[in-house]
PDB file of N, CA and C in Angstrom:
ATOM      1  N   UNK A   1    -158.831 -55.875 -67.093  1.00  0.00           N
ATOM      2  CA  UNK A   1    -159.700 -55.768 -66.206  1.00  0.00           C
ATOM      3  C   UNK A   1    -159.901 -54.399 -65.580  1.00  0.00           C
ATOM      4  N   UNK A   2    -161.155 -54.427 -65.370  1.00  0.00           N
ATOM      5  CA  UNK A   2    -161.555 -53.045 -64.614  1.00  0.00           C
ATOM      6  C   UNK A   2    -161.416 -52.858 -63.137  1.00  0.00           C
ATOM      7  N   UNK A   3    -161.233 -51.741 -62.417  1.00  0.00           N
ATOM      8  CA  UNK A   3    -160.910 -51.540 -61.185  1.00  0.00           C
ATOM      9  C   UNK A   3    -162.214 -52.008 -60.298  1.00  0.00           C
ATOM     10  N   UNK A   4    -163.405 -51.910 -60.862  1.00  0.00           N
ATOM     11  CA  UNK A   4    -164.515 -52.443 -60.116  1.00  0.00           C
ATOM     12  C   UNK A   4    -164.816 -53.927 -60.341  1.00  0.00           C
ATOM     13  N   UNK A   5    -163.877 -54.739 -61.225  1.00  0.00           N
ATOM     14  CA  UNK A   5    -163.901 -56.047 -61.055  1.00  0.00           C
ATOM     15  C   UNK A   5    -163.142 -56.700 -60.116  1.00  0.00           C
ATOM     16  N   UNK A   6    -162.082 -55.938 -59.781  1.00  0.00           N
ATOM     17  CA  UNK A   6    -161.241 -56.611 -58.800  1.00  0.00           C
ATOM     18  C   UNK A   6    -161.625 -56.570 -57.406  1.00  0.00           C
ATOM     19  N   UNK A   7    -161.786 -57.596 -56.816  1.00  0.00           N
ATOM     20  CA  UNK A   7    -162.015 -57.705 -55.430  1.00  0.00           C
ATOM     21  C   UNK A   7    -161.436 -56.604 -54.492  1.00  0.00           C
ATOM     22  N   UNK A   8    -162.032 -55.860 -53.506  1.00  0.00           N
ATOM     23  CA  UNK A   8    -161.346 -55.096 -52.959  1.00  0.00           C
ATOM     24  C   UNK A   8    -161.043 -55.717 -51.291  1.00  0.00           C
ATOM     25  N   UNK A   9    -159.791 -55.188 -50.833  1.00  0.00           N
ATOM     26  CA  UNK A   9    -159.010 -55.579 -49.615  1.00  0.00           C
ATOM     27  C   UNK A   9    -159.971 -55.082 -48.660  1.00  0.00           C
ATOM     28  N   UNK A  10    -159.785 -55.831 -47.467  1.00  0.00           N
ATOM     29  CA  UNK A  10    -160.787 -55.162 -46.309  1.00  0.00           C
ATOM     30  C   UNK A  10    -160.015 -53.939 -46.219  1.00  0.00           C
ATOM     31  N   UNK A  11    -161.116 -52.914 -45.611  1.00  0.00           N
ATOM     32  CA  UNK A  11    -160.764 -51.554 -45.212  1.00  0.00           C
ATOM     33  C   UNK A  11    -159.732 -51.073 -46.507  1.00  0.00           C
ATOM     34  N   UNK A  12    -159.978 -51.134 -47.803  1.00  0.00           N
ATOM     35  CA  UNK A  12    -159.210 -50.741 -48.749  1.00  0.00           C
ATOM     36  C   UNK A  12    -159.237 -49.130 -48.710  1.00  0.00           C
ATOM     37  N   UNK A  13    -160.616 -48.567 -48.661  1.00  0.00           N
ATOM     38  CA  UNK A  13    -160.625 -47.291 -48.670  1.00  0.00           C
ATOM     39  C   UNK A  13    -159.709 -46.446 -47.408  1.00  0.00           C
ATOM     40  N   UNK A  14    -159.648 -46.866 -46.241  1.00  0.00           N
ATOM     41  CA  UNK A  14    -158.842 -46.322 -45.376  1.00  0.00           C
ATOM     42  C   UNK A  14    -157.452 -46.742 -45.564  1.00  0.00           C
ATOM     43  N   UNK A  15    -156.999 -47.528 -46.144  1.00  0.00           N
ATOM     44  CA  UNK A  15    -155.864 -48.208 -46.591  1.00  0.00           C
ATOM     45  C   UNK A  15    -155.273 -46.896 -47.422  1.00  0.00           C
ATOM     46  N   UNK A  16    -155.933 -46.811 -48.592  1.00  0.00           N
ATOM     47  CA  UNK A  16    -155.820 -45.633 -49.748  1.00  0.00           C
ATOM     48  C   UNK A  16    -155.494 -44.678 -49.264  1.00  0.00           C
ATOM     49  N   UNK A  17    -156.396 -44.109 -48.257  1.00  0.00           N
ATOM     50  CA  UNK A  17    -156.163 -42.770 -47.823  1.00  0.00           C
ATOM     51  C   UNK A  17    -155.022 -42.383 -47.374  1.00  0.00           C
ATOM     52  N   UNK A  18    -154.433 -43.542 -46.586  1.00  0.00           N
ATOM     53  CA  UNK A  18    -153.095 -43.365 -45.646  1.00  0.00           C
ATOM     54  C   UNK A  18    -151.879 -42.873 -46.741  1.00  0.00           C
ATOM     55  N   UNK A  19    -152.086 -43.310 -48.383  1.00  0.00           N
ATOM     56  CA  UNK A  19    -150.761 -43.211 -49.387  1.00  0.00           C
ATOM     57  C   UNK A  19    -151.405 -42.546 -50.372  1.00  0.00           C
ATOM     58  N   UNK A  20    -150.498 -41.807 -50.939  1.00  0.00           N
ATOM     59  CA  UNK A  20    -150.650 -41.296 -52.235  1.00  0.00           C
ATOM     60  C   UNK A  20    -150.318 -41.708 -53.342  1.00  0.00           C
ATOM     61  N   UNK A  21    -149.614 -43.117 -53.033  1.00  0.00           N
ATOM     62  CA  UNK A  21    -149.021 -44.111 -54.293  1.00  0.00           C
ATOM     63  C   UNK A  21    -149.474 -45.314 -54.138  1.00  0.00           C
ATOM     64  N   UNK A  22    -149.378 -45.972 -55.146  1.00  0.00           N
ATOM     65  CA  UNK A  22    -149.763 -47.314 -55.108  1.00  0.00           C
ATOM     66  C   UNK A  22    -148.869 -48.419 -54.165  1.00  0.00           C
ATOM     67  N   UNK A  23    -147.369 -47.874 -54.344  1.00  0.00           N
ATOM     68  CA  UNK A  23    -146.667 -48.893 -53.685  1.00  0.00           C
ATOM     69  C   UNK A  23    -146.942 -48.533 -52.238  1.00  0.00           C
ATOM     70  N   UNK A  24    -147.124 -47.696 -51.499  1.00  0.00           N
ATOM     71  CA  UNK A  24    -147.444 -47.534 -50.197  1.00  0.00           C
ATOM     72  C   UNK A  24    -148.802 -48.621 -49.796  1.00  0.00           C
ATOM     73  N   UNK A  25    -149.737 -48.453 -50.655  1.00  0.00           N
ATOM     74  CA  UNK A  25    -151.142 -49.556 -50.612  1.00  0.00           C
ATOM     75  C   UNK A  25    -150.307 -50.762 -50.690  1.00  0.00           C
ATOM     76  N   UNK A  26    -149.558 -50.764 -51.147  1.00  0.00           N
ATOM     77  CA  UNK A  26    -149.353 -52.357 -51.568  1.00  0.00           C
ATOM     78  C   UNK A  26    -148.180 -53.041 -50.506  1.00  0.00           C
ATOM     79  N   UNK A  27    -147.320 -52.015 -49.909  1.00  0.00           N
ATOM     80  CA  UNK A  27    -146.711 -52.505 -48.700  1.00  0.00           C
ATOM     81  C   UNK A  27    -147.208 -52.342 -47.465  1.00  0.00           C
ATOM     82  N   UNK A  28    -148.424 -51.819 -47.613  1.00  0.00           N
ATOM     83  CA  UNK A  28    -149.225 -52.153 -46.238  1.00  0.00           C
ATOM     84  C   UNK A  28    -149.865 -53.493 -46.260  1.00  0.00           C
ATOM     85  N   UNK A  29    -149.916 -53.891 -47.593  1.00  0.00           N
ATOM     86  CA  UNK A  29    -150.884 -55.265 -47.336  1.00  0.00           C
ATOM     87  C   UNK A  29    -149.681 -56.518 -47.007  1.00  0.00           C
ATOM     88  N   UNK A  30    -148.497 -56.220 -47.674  1.00  0.00           N
ATOM     89  CA  UNK A  30    -147.526 -57.387 -47.356  1.00  0.00           C
ATOM     90  C   UNK A  30    -146.508 -56.435 -46.883  1.00  0.00           C
ATOM     91  N   UNK A  31    -146.139 -55.414 -46.182  1.00  0.00           N
ATOM     92  CA  UNK A  31    -145.160 -54.969 -45.870  1.00  0.00           C
ATOM     93  C   UNK A  31    -144.933 -55.007 -44.015  1.00  0.00           C
ATOM     94  N   UNK A  32    -145.560 -55.904 -43.517  1.00  0.00           N
ATOM     95  CA  UNK A  32    -145.121 -55.770 -42.188  1.00  0.00           C
ATOM     96  C   UNK A  32    -143.613 -56.607 -42.034  1.00  0.00           C
ATOM     97  N   UNK A  33    -143.569 -56.838 -40.770  1.00  0.00           N
ATOM     98  CA  UNK A  33    -141.929 -57.416 -40.640  1.00  0.00           C
ATOM     99  C   UNK A  33    -142.326 -58.982 -41.140  1.00  0.00           C
ATOM    100  N   UNK A  34    -143.049 -59.792 -40.820  1.00  0.00           N
ATOM    101  CA  UNK A  34    -143.206 -60.929 -41.183  1.00  0.00           C
ATOM    102  C   UNK A  34    -144.288 -61.382 -42.132  1.00  0.00           C
ATOM    103  N   UNK A  35    -144.884 -60.559 -42.426  1.00  0.00           N
ATOM    104  CA  UNK A  35    -145.944 -61.049 -43.669  1.00  0.00           C
ATOM    105  C   UNK A  35    -145.559 -61.633 -44.944  1.00  0.00           C
ATOM    106  N   UNK A  36    -144.475 -60.818 -45.610  1.00  0.00           N
ATOM    107  CA  UNK A  36    -143.818 -61.143 -46.842  1.00  0.00           C
ATOM    108  C   UNK A  36    -143.310 -62.404 -46.727  1.00  0.00           C
ATOM    109  N   UNK A  37    -142.482 -62.848 -45.472  1.00  0.00           N
ATOM    110  CA  UNK A  37    -141.732 -63.944 -45.297  1.00  0.00           C
ATOM    111  C   UNK A  37    -142.437 -65.466 -45.121  1.00  0.00           C
ATOM    112  N   UNK A  38    -143.657 -65.139 -44.518  1.00  0.00           N
ATOM    113  CA  UNK A  38    -144.568 -66.027 -44.185  1.00  0.00           C
ATOM    114  C   UNK A  38    -145.095 -66.482 -45.493  1.00  0.00           C
ATOM    115  N   UNK A  39    -145.646 -65.447 -45.996  1.00  0.00           N
ATOM    116  CA  UNK A  39    -146.268 -65.722 -47.759  1.00  0.00           C
ATOM    117  C   UNK A  39    -145.009 -66.356 -48.422  1.00  0.00           C
ATOM    118  N   UNK A  40    -144.084 -65.939 -48.628  1.00  0.00           N
ATOM    119  CA  UNK A  40    -143.094 -66.516 -49.215  1.00  0.00           C
ATOM    120  C   UNK A  40    -142.878 -68.003 -49.060  1.00  0.00           C
ATOM    121  N   UNK A  41    -142.794 -68.493 -47.695  1.00  0.00           N
ATOM    122  CA  UNK A  41    -142.730 -69.730 -47.425  1.00  0.00           C
ATOM    123  C   UNK A  41    -143.781 -70.750 -47.620  1.00  0.00           C
ATOM    124  N   UNK A  42    -145.075 -69.984 -47.458  1.00  0.00           N
ATOM    125  CA  UNK A  42    -146.513 -70.460 -48.221  1.00  0.00           C
ATOM    126  C   UNK A  42    -146.199 -70.841 -49.625  1.00  0.00           C
ATOM    127  N   UNK A  43    -145.989 -70.108 -50.345  1.00  0.00           N
ATOM    128  CA  UNK A  43    -145.783 -69.955 -51.727  1.00  0.00           C
ATOM    129  C   UNK A  43    -144.793 -71.053 -52.448  1.00  0.00           C
ATOM    130  N   UNK A  44    -143.659 -71.416 -51.556  1.00  0.00           N
ATOM    131  CA  UNK A  44    -142.933 -72.156 -52.063  1.00  0.00           C
ATOM    132  C   UNK A  44    -142.935 -73.549 -51.745  1.00  0.00           C
ATOM    133  N   UNK A  45    -143.879 -73.805 -50.670  1.00  0.00           N
ATOM    134  CA  UNK A  45    -144.063 -75.132 -50.358  1.00  0.00           C
ATOM    135  C   UNK A  45    -145.303 -75.588 -49.690  1.00  0.00           C
ATOM    136  N   UNK A  46    -146.275 -74.875 -50.533  1.00  0.00           N
ATOM    137  CA  UNK A  46    -147.782 -75.487 -50.286  1.00  0.00           C
ATOM    138  C   UNK A  46    -148.258 -76.753 -50.524  1.00  0.00           C
ATOM    139  N   UNK A  47    -149.361 -77.170 -50.002  1.00  0.00           N
ATOM    140  CA  UNK A  47    -149.684 -76.786 -48.737  1.00  0.00           C
ATOM    141  C   UNK A  47    -148.681 -77.062 -47.315  1.00  0.00           C
ATOM    142  N   UNK A  48    -148.646 -76.422 -46.637  1.00  0.00           N
ATOM    143  CA  UNK A  48    -147.746 -76.335 -45.484  1.00  0.00           C
ATOM    144  C   UNK A  48    -148.654 -76.119 -44.042  1.00  0.00           C
ATOM    145  N   UNK A  49    -148.193 -76.740 -43.162  1.00  0.00           N
ATOM    146  CA  UNK A  49    -148.822 -76.945 -41.811  1.00  0.00           C
ATOM    147  C   UNK A  49    -148.138 -76.064 -41.116  1.00  0.00           C
ATOM    148  N   UNK A  50    -149.000 -75.762 -40.068  1.00  0.00           N
ATOM    149  CA  UNK A  50    -148.465 -74.348 -38.877  1.00  0.00           C
ATOM    150  C   UNK A  50    -147.003 -74.664 -38.567  1.00  0.00           C
ATOM    151  N   UNK A  51    -146.951 -76.205 -37.786  1.00  0.00           N
ATOM    152  CA  UNK A  51    -145.336 -76.518 -37.535  1.00  0.00           C
ATOM    153  C   UNK A  51    -144.281 -76.212 -38.422  1.00  0.00           C
ATOM    154  N   UNK A  52    -144.551 -76.864 -39.486  1.00  0.00           N
ATOM    155  CA  UNK A  52    -143.819 -76.574 -40.908  1.00  0.00           C
ATOM    156  C   UNK A  52    -143.272 -75.132 -40.832  1.00  0.00           C
ATOM    157  N   UNK A  53    -144.490 -74.162 -40.845  1.00  0.00           N
ATOM    158  CA  UNK A  53    -144.121 -72.908 -41.186  1.00  0.00           C
ATOM    159  C   UNK A  53    -143.329 -72.295 -40.043  1.00  0.00           C
ATOM    160  N   UNK A  54    -143.782 -72.761 -38.650  1.00  0.00           N
ATOM    161  CA  UNK A  54    -142.922 -72.120 -37.792  1.00  0.00           C
ATOM    162  C   UNK A  54    -141.321 -72.430 -37.584  1.00  0.00           C
ATOM    163  N   UNK A  55    -141.193 -73.644 -37.788  1.00  0.00           N
ATOM    164  CA  UNK A  55    -139.871 -74.178 -38.225  1.00  0.00           C
ATOM    165  C   UNK A  55    -139.101 -73.364 -39.461  1.00  0.00           C
ATOM    166  N   UNK A  56    -139.870 -72.940 -40.360  1.00  0.00           N
ATOM    167  CA  UNK A  56    -139.224 -72.326 -41.555  1.00  0.00           C
ATOM    168  C   UNK A  56    -138.941 -70.879 -41.074  1.00  0.00           C
ATOM    169  N   UNK A  57    -139.810 -70.161 -40.129  1.00  0.00           N
ATOM    170  CA  UNK A  57    -139.772 -68.769 -39.493  1.00  0.00           C
ATOM    171  C   UNK A  57    -139.255 -68.930 -38.188  1.00  0.00           C
ATOM    172  N   UNK A  58    -137.997 -69.280 -37.835  1.00  0.00           N
ATOM    173  CA  UNK A  58    -138.114 -69.964 -36.715  1.00  0.00           C
ATOM    174  C   UNK A  58    -137.903 -68.717 -35.460  1.00  0.00           C
ATOM    175  N   UNK A  59    -137.642 -67.290 -35.753  1.00  0.00           N
ATOM    176  CA  UNK A  59    -137.391 -66.301 -34.960  1.00  0.00           C
ATOM    177  C   UNK A  59    -138.591 -65.485 -34.532  1.00  0.00           C
ATOM    178  N   UNK A  60    -140.089 -66.206 -35.466  1.00  0.00           N
ATOM    179  CA  UNK A  60    -141.329 -65.657 -35.029  1.00  0.00           C
ATOM    180  C   UNK A  60    -141.816 -66.211 -33.842  1.00  0.00           C
ATOM    181  N   UNK A  61    -142.390 -65.513 -33.039  1.00  0.00           N
ATOM    182  CA  UNK A  61    -143.354 -66.140 -31.893  1.00  0.00           C
ATOM    183  C   UNK A  61    -144.664 -66.550 -32.211  1.00  0.00           C
ATOM    184  N   UNK A  62    -144.967 -67.516 -31.606  1.00  0.00           N
ATOM    185  CA  UNK A  62    -146.593 -68.117 -32.156  1.00  0.00           C
ATOM    186  C   UNK A  62    -147.463 -67.133 -32.175  1.00  0.00           C
ATOM    187  N   UNK A  63    -147.633 -66.233 -31.225  1.00  0.00           N
ATOM    188  CA  UNK A  63    -148.591 -64.895 -31.177  1.00  0.00           C
ATOM    189  C   UNK A  63    -148.425 -64.196 -32.397  1.00  0.00           C
ATOM    190  N   UNK A  64    -147.212 -63.812 -32.973  1.00  0.00           N
ATOM    191  CA  UNK A  64    -147.267 -63.217 -34.204  1.00  0.00           C
ATOM    192  C   UNK A  64    -147.392 -63.942 -35.331  1.00  0.00           C
ATOM    193  N   UNK A  65    -146.966 -65.337 -35.334  1.00  0.00           N
ATOM    194  CA  UNK A  65    -147.551 -66.035 -36.676  1.00  0.00           C
ATOM    195  C   UNK A  65    -148.879 -66.304 -36.566  1.00  0.00           C
ATOM    196  N   UNK A  66    -149.522 -66.530 -35.645  1.00  0.00           N
ATOM    197  CA  UNK A  66    -150.727 -66.771 -35.634  1.00  0.00           C
ATOM    198  C   UNK A  66    -151.656 -65.435 -36.458  1.00  0.00           C
ATOM    199  N   UNK A  67    -151.166 -64.509 -35.907  1.00  0.00           N
ATOM    200  CA  UNK A  67    -151.774 -63.173 -35.903  1.00  0.00           C
ATOM    201  C   UNK A  67    -151.670 -62.535 -37.376  1.00  0.00           C
ATOM    202  N   UNK A  68    -150.255 -62.791 -37.812  1.00  0.00           N
ATOM    203  CA  UNK A  68    -150.212 -62.756 -39.162  1.00  0.00           C
ATOM    204  C   UNK A  68    -150.899 -63.604 -40.320  1.00  0.00           C
ATOM    205  N   UNK A  69    -151.055 -64.936 -39.982  1.00  0.00           N
ATOM    206  CA  UNK A  69    -151.741 -65.798 -40.591  1.00  0.00           C
ATOM    207  C   UNK A  69    -153.142 -65.293 -40.809  1.00  0.00           C
ATOM    208  N   UNK A  70    -153.693 -65.042 -39.928  1.00  0.00           N
ATOM    209  CA  UNK A  70    -155.406 -64.424 -40.049  1.00  0.00           C
ATOM    210  C   UNK A  70    -155.147 -63.227 -40.610  1.00  0.00           C
ATOM    211  N   UNK A  71    -154.168 -62.547 -40.593  1.00  0.00           N
ATOM    212  CA  UNK A  71    -154.004 -61.016 -41.527  1.00  0.00           C
ATOM    213  C   UNK A  71    -154.144 -61.617 -42.870  1.00  0.00           C
ATOM    214  N   UNK A  72    -153.189 -62.553 -43.324  1.00  0.00           N
ATOM    215  CA  UNK A  72    -153.105 -62.672 -44.641  1.00  0.00           C
ATOM    216  C   UNK A  72    -154.369 -63.576 -45.172  1.00  0.00           C
ATOM    217  N   UNK A  73    -155.127 -64.224 -44.420  1.00  0.00           N
ATOM    218  CA  UNK A  73    -156.257 -64.841 -44.765  1.00  0.00           C
ATOM    219  C   UNK A  73    -157.447 -63.710 -44.919  1.00  0.00           C
ATOM    220  N   UNK A  74    -157.488 -62.617 -43.820  1.00  0.00           N
ATOM    221  CA  UNK A  74    -158.607 -61.993 -44.205  1.00  0.00           C
ATOM    222  C   UNK A  74    -158.037 -60.869 -45.573  1.00  0.00           C
ATOM    223  N   UNK A  75    -156.587 -60.788 -45.848  1.00  0.00           N
ATOM    224  CA  UNK A  75    -156.610 -60.049 -47.151  1.00  0.00           C
ATOM    225  C   UNK A  75    -156.748 -60.900 -48.252  1.00  0.00           C
ATOM    226  N   UNK A  76    -157.228 -62.358 -48.124  1.00  0.00           N
ATOM    227  CA  UNK A  76    -157.252 -63.087 -49.213  1.00  0.00           C
ATOM    228  C   UNK A  76    -156.184 -63.448 -49.846  1.00  0.00           C
ATOM    229  N   UNK A  77    -154.955 -63.503 -49.211  1.00  0.00           N
ATOM    230  CA  UNK A  77    -153.762 -64.070 -49.712  1.00  0.00           C
ATOM    231  C   UNK A  77    -153.202 -65.519 -49.566  1.00  0.00           C
ATOM    232  N   UNK A  78    -153.981 -66.000 -48.518  1.00  0.00           N
ATOM    233  CA  UNK A  78    -153.836 -67.476 -48.212  1.00  0.00           C
ATOM    234  C   UNK A  78    -155.072 -67.856 -47.645  1.00  0.00           C
ATOM    235  N   UNK A  79    -155.278 -69.212 -48.136  1.00  0.00           N
ATOM    236  CA  UNK A  79    -156.529 -70.162 -47.599  1.00  0.00           C
ATOM    237  C   UNK A  79    -155.945 -71.042 -46.389  1.00  0.00           C
ATOM    238  N   UNK A  80    -156.911 -70.755 -45.509  1.00  0.00           N
ATOM    239  CA  UNK A  80    -156.839 -71.819 -44.396  1.00  0.00           C
ATOM    240  C   UNK A  80    -157.650 -73.080 -44.326  1.00  0.00           C
ATOM    241  N   UNK A  81    -156.967 -74.261 -44.419  1.00  0.00           N
ATOM    242  CA  UNK A  81    -157.969 -75.683 -44.663  1.00  0.00           C
ATOM    243  C   UNK A  81    -158.052 -76.286 -43.342  1.00  0.00           C
ATOM    244  N   UNK A  82    -158.766 -76.406 -42.485  1.00  0.00           N
ATOM    245  CA  UNK A  82    -158.960 -77.173 -41.370  1.00  0.00           C
ATOM    246  C   UNK A  82    -159.776 -78.429 -41.423  1.00  0.00           C
ATOM    247  N   UNK A  83    -159.005 -79.510 -41.419  1.00  0.00           N
ATOM    248  CA  UNK A  83    -159.623 -81.087 -41.041  1.00  0.00           C
ATOM    249  C   UNK A  83    -160.104 -81.612 -40.233  1.00  0.00           C
ATOM    250  N   UNK A  84    -161.186 -81.926 -40.069  1.00  0.00           N
ATOM    251  CA  UNK A  84    -162.023 -82.500 -38.644  1.00  0.00           C
ATOM    252  C   UNK A  84    -161.147 -83.586 -38.462  1.00  0.00           C
ATOM    253  N   UNK A  85    -160.120 -84.088 -37.605  1.00  0.00           N
ATOM    254  CA  UNK A  85    -159.477 -84.979 -37.554  1.00  0.00           C
ATOM    255  C   UNK A  85    -158.957 -84.814 -35.920  1.00  0.00           C
ATOM    256  N   UNK A  86    -158.487 -86.016 -35.525  1.00  0.00           N
ATOM    257  CA  UNK A  86    -157.927 -86.028 -34.174  1.00  0.00           C
ATOM    258  C   UNK A  86    -156.202 -86.569 -34.270  1.00  0.00           C
ATOM    259  N   UNK A  87    -155.494 -85.816 -34.067  1.00  0.00           N
ATOM    260  CA  UNK A  87    -155.442 -84.234 -33.393  1.00  0.00           C
ATOM    261  C   UNK A  87    -155.762 -83.458 -34.788  1.00  0.00           C
ATOM    262  N   UNK A  88    -156.234 -81.965 -34.613  1.00  0.00           N
ATOM    263  CA  UNK A  88    -156.749 -81.321 -35.297  1.00  0.00           C
ATOM    264  C   UNK A  88    -155.434 -81.086 -36.536  1.00  0.00           C
ATOM    265  N   UNK A  89    -155.853 -80.552 -37.704  1.00  0.00           N
ATOM    266  CA  UNK A  89    -154.697 -80.628 -38.844  1.00  0.00           C
ATOM    267  C   UNK A  89    -155.193 -79.313 -39.689  1.00  0.00           C
ATOM    268  N   UNK A  90    -154.504 -78.539 -39.753  1.00  0.00           N
ATOM    269  CA  UNK A  90    -154.572 -77.523 -40.346  1.00  0.00           C
ATOM    270  C   UNK A  90    -153.679 -77.096 -41.330  1.00  0.00           C
ATOM    271  N   UNK A  91    -153.651 -76.729 -42.711  1.00  0.00           N
ATOM    272  CA  UNK A  91    -152.937 -76.253 -43.937  1.00  0.00           C
ATOM    273  C   UNK A  91    -153.166 -75.125 -44.252  1.00  0.00           C
ATOM    274  N   UNK A  92    -152.329 -74.467 -44.905  1.00  0.00           N
ATOM    275  CA  UNK A  92    -152.496 -73.094 -45.406  1.00  0.00           C
ATOM    276  C   UNK A  92    -151.644 -73.096 -46.993  1.00  0.00           C
ATOM    277  N   UNK A  93    -152.715 -72.835 -47.831  1.00  0.00           N
ATOM    278  CA  UNK A  93    -152.177 -72.534 -48.985  1.00  0.00           C
ATOM    279  C   UNK A  93    -152.169 -71.207 -49.628  1.00  0.00           C
ATOM    280  N   UNK A  94    -151.569 -70.596 -50.755  1.00  0.00           N
ATOM    281  CA  UNK A  94    -152.017 -69.277 -51.460  1.00  0.00           C
ATOM    282  C   UNK A  94    -153.120 -69.424 -52.204  1.00  0.00           C
ATOM    283  N   UNK A  95    -153.780 -68.309 -52.262  1.00  0.00           N
ATOM    284  CA  UNK A  95    -155.097 -68.041 -53.285  1.00  0.00           C
ATOM    285  C   UNK A  95    -154.192 -67.510 -54.336  1.00  0.00           C
ATOM    286  N   UNK A  96    -155.342 -67.527 -55.356  1.00  0.00           N
ATOM    287  CA  UNK A  96    -154.787 -66.652 -56.579  1.00  0.00           C
ATOM    288  C   UNK A  96    -154.118 -65.424 -56.263  1.00  0.00           C
ATOM    289  N   UNK A  97    -154.769 -64.584 -55.607  1.00  0.00           N
ATOM    290  CA  UNK A  97    -154.257 -63.291 -55.088  1.00  0.00           C
ATOM    291  C   UNK A  97    -152.941 -63.322 -54.455  1.00  0.00           C
ATOM    292  N   UNK A  98    -152.707 -64.531 -53.728  1.00  0.00           N
ATOM    293  CA  UNK A  98    -151.411 -64.573 -52.989  1.00  0.00           C
ATOM    294  C   UNK A  98    -150.507 -64.812 -54.053  1.00  0.00           C
ATOM    295  N   UNK A  99    -150.480 -66.000 -54.879  1.00  0.00           N
ATOM    296  CA  UNK A  99    -149.820 -66.492 -56.102  1.00  0.00           C
ATOM    297  C   UNK A  99    -149.512 -65.190 -57.060  1.00  0.00           C
ATOM    298  N   UNK A 100    -150.296 -64.240 -57.337  1.00  0.00           N
ATOM    299  CA  UNK A 100    -150.120 -63.199 -58.148  1.00  0.00           C
ATOM    300  C   UNK A 100    -148.606 -62.214 -57.500  1.00  0.00           C
ATOM    301  N   UNK A 101    -148.429 -62.653 -56.054  1.00  0.00           N
ATOM    302  CA  UNK A 101    -147.444 -62.044 -55.317  1.00  0.00           C
ATOM    303  C   UNK A 101    -145.703 -62.705 -55.704  1.00  0.00           C
ATOM    304  N   UNK A 102    -145.972 -63.894 -56.351  1.00  0.00           N
ATOM    305  CA  UNK A 102    -145.055 -64.892 -56.280  1.00  0.00           C
ATOM    306  C   UNK A 102    -143.515 -64.233 -56.816  1.00  0.00           C
ATOM    307  N   UNK A 103    -143.969 -63.599 -58.265  1.00  0.00           N
ATOM    308  CA  UNK A 103    -142.682 -63.194 -58.795  1.00  0.00           C
ATOM    309  C   UNK A 103    -142.315 -61.742 -58.242  1.00  0.00           C
ATOM    310  N   UNK A 104    -143.141 -61.174 -57.382  1.00  0.00           N
ATOM    311  CA  UNK A 104    -142.698 -59.883 -56.947  1.00  0.00           C
ATOM    312  C   UNK A 104    -141.635 -60.319 -55.792  1.00  0.00           C
ATOM    313  N   UNK A 105    -142.191 -61.296 -54.711  1.00  0.00           N
ATOM    314  CA  UNK A 105    -141.231 -61.722 -53.771  1.00  0.00           C
ATOM    315  C   UNK A 105    -140.071 -62.390 -54.203  1.00  0.00           C
ATOM    316  N   UNK A 106    -140.183 -63.147 -55.275  1.00  0.00           N
ATOM    317  CA  UNK A 106    -138.964 -63.776 -55.814  1.00  0.00           C
ATOM    318  C   UNK A 106    -137.930 -62.824 -56.344  1.00  0.00           C
ATOM    319  N   UNK A 107    -138.234 -61.753 -57.039  1.00  0.00           N
ATOM    320  CA  UNK A 107    -137.630 -60.522 -56.931  1.00  0.00           C
ATOM    321  C   UNK A 107    -136.664 -59.954 -55.852  1.00  0.00           C
ATOM    322  N   UNK A 108    -137.797 -59.619 -54.920  1.00  0.00           N
ATOM    323  CA  UNK A 108    -137.112 -59.366 -53.556  1.00  0.00           C
ATOM    324  C   UNK A 108    -136.109 -60.042 -52.938  1.00  0.00           C
ATOM    325  N   UNK A 109    -136.620 -61.400 -52.972  1.00  0.00           N
ATOM    326  CA  UNK A 109    -135.450 -62.323 -52.398  1.00  0.00           C
ATOM    327  C   UNK A 109    -133.951 -62.499 -53.353  1.00  0.00           C
ATOM    328  N   UNK A 110    -134.315 -62.257 -54.835  1.00  0.00           N
ATOM    329  CA  UNK A 110    -132.997 -62.001 -55.251  1.00  0.00           C
ATOM    330  C   UNK A 110    -132.348 -60.888 -54.819  1.00  0.00           C
ATOM    331  N   UNK A 111    -132.889 -59.684 -54.863  1.00  0.00           N
ATOM    332  CA  UNK A 111    -132.215 -58.350 -54.546  1.00  0.00           C
ATOM    333  C   UNK A 111    -131.609 -58.514 -53.373  1.00  0.00           C
ATOM    334  N   UNK A 112    -132.362 -59.446 -52.338  1.00  0.00           N
ATOM    335  CA  UNK A 112    -131.812 -59.371 -50.493  1.00  0.00           C
ATOM    336  C   UNK A 112    -130.454 -60.393 -50.859  1.00  0.00           C
ATOM    337  N   UNK A 113    -130.514 -61.100 -51.515  1.00  0.00           N
ATOM    338  CA  UNK A 113    -129.391 -62.172 -51.512  1.00  0.00           C
ATOM    339  C   UNK A 113    -128.261 -61.694 -52.335  1.00  0.00           C
ATOM    340  N   UNK A 114    -128.538 -60.524 -53.078  1.00  0.00           N
ATOM    341  CA  UNK A 114    -127.182 -59.875 -53.950  1.00  0.00           C
ATOM    342  C   UNK A 114    -126.617 -58.784 -52.882  1.00  0.00           C
ATOM    343  N   UNK A 115    -127.440 -58.070 -52.109  1.00  0.00           N
ATOM    344  CA  UNK A 115    -126.785 -57.033 -51.312  1.00  0.00           C
ATOM    345  C   UNK A 115    -126.871 -57.530 -49.691  1.00  0.00           C
ATOM    346  N   UNK A 116    -127.132 -58.558 -49.268  1.00  0.00           N
ATOM    347  CA  UNK A 116    -127.022 -59.123 -47.645  1.00  0.00           C
ATOM    348  C   UNK A 116    -125.864 -59.372 -47.403  1.00  0.00           C
ATOM    349  N   UNK A 117    -124.853 -59.803 -48.238  1.00  0.00           N
ATOM    350  CA  UNK A 117    -123.574 -60.230 -47.802  1.00  0.00           C
ATOM    351  C   UNK A 117    -122.655 -58.718 -48.198  1.00  0.00           C
TER     352      UNK A 117
END
């Protein structure tokens, strides 16, 4: 697959200028304090609703969770599905781009388990 065929991230040119290596770019996309954790929970249990996600990541504030979900959606890592019901129902699922990070996040999780204790 050529570089031109791959869908670009929002602000990709600016993000690329901030780093001289690809790991810096990748960490800019998934490397916030919460973003990888949120994506991990969505990958492991989708479709997932907001309340379920909040219970899975109990130390995150509602404001930060909402903002990170918007950022993940903006970067096309997750999709937000809103149902026209009363009360409103929203679910989150990973996109193909988000699913492509599953093996990487799994390895990070295993590494963390190994060295956490």
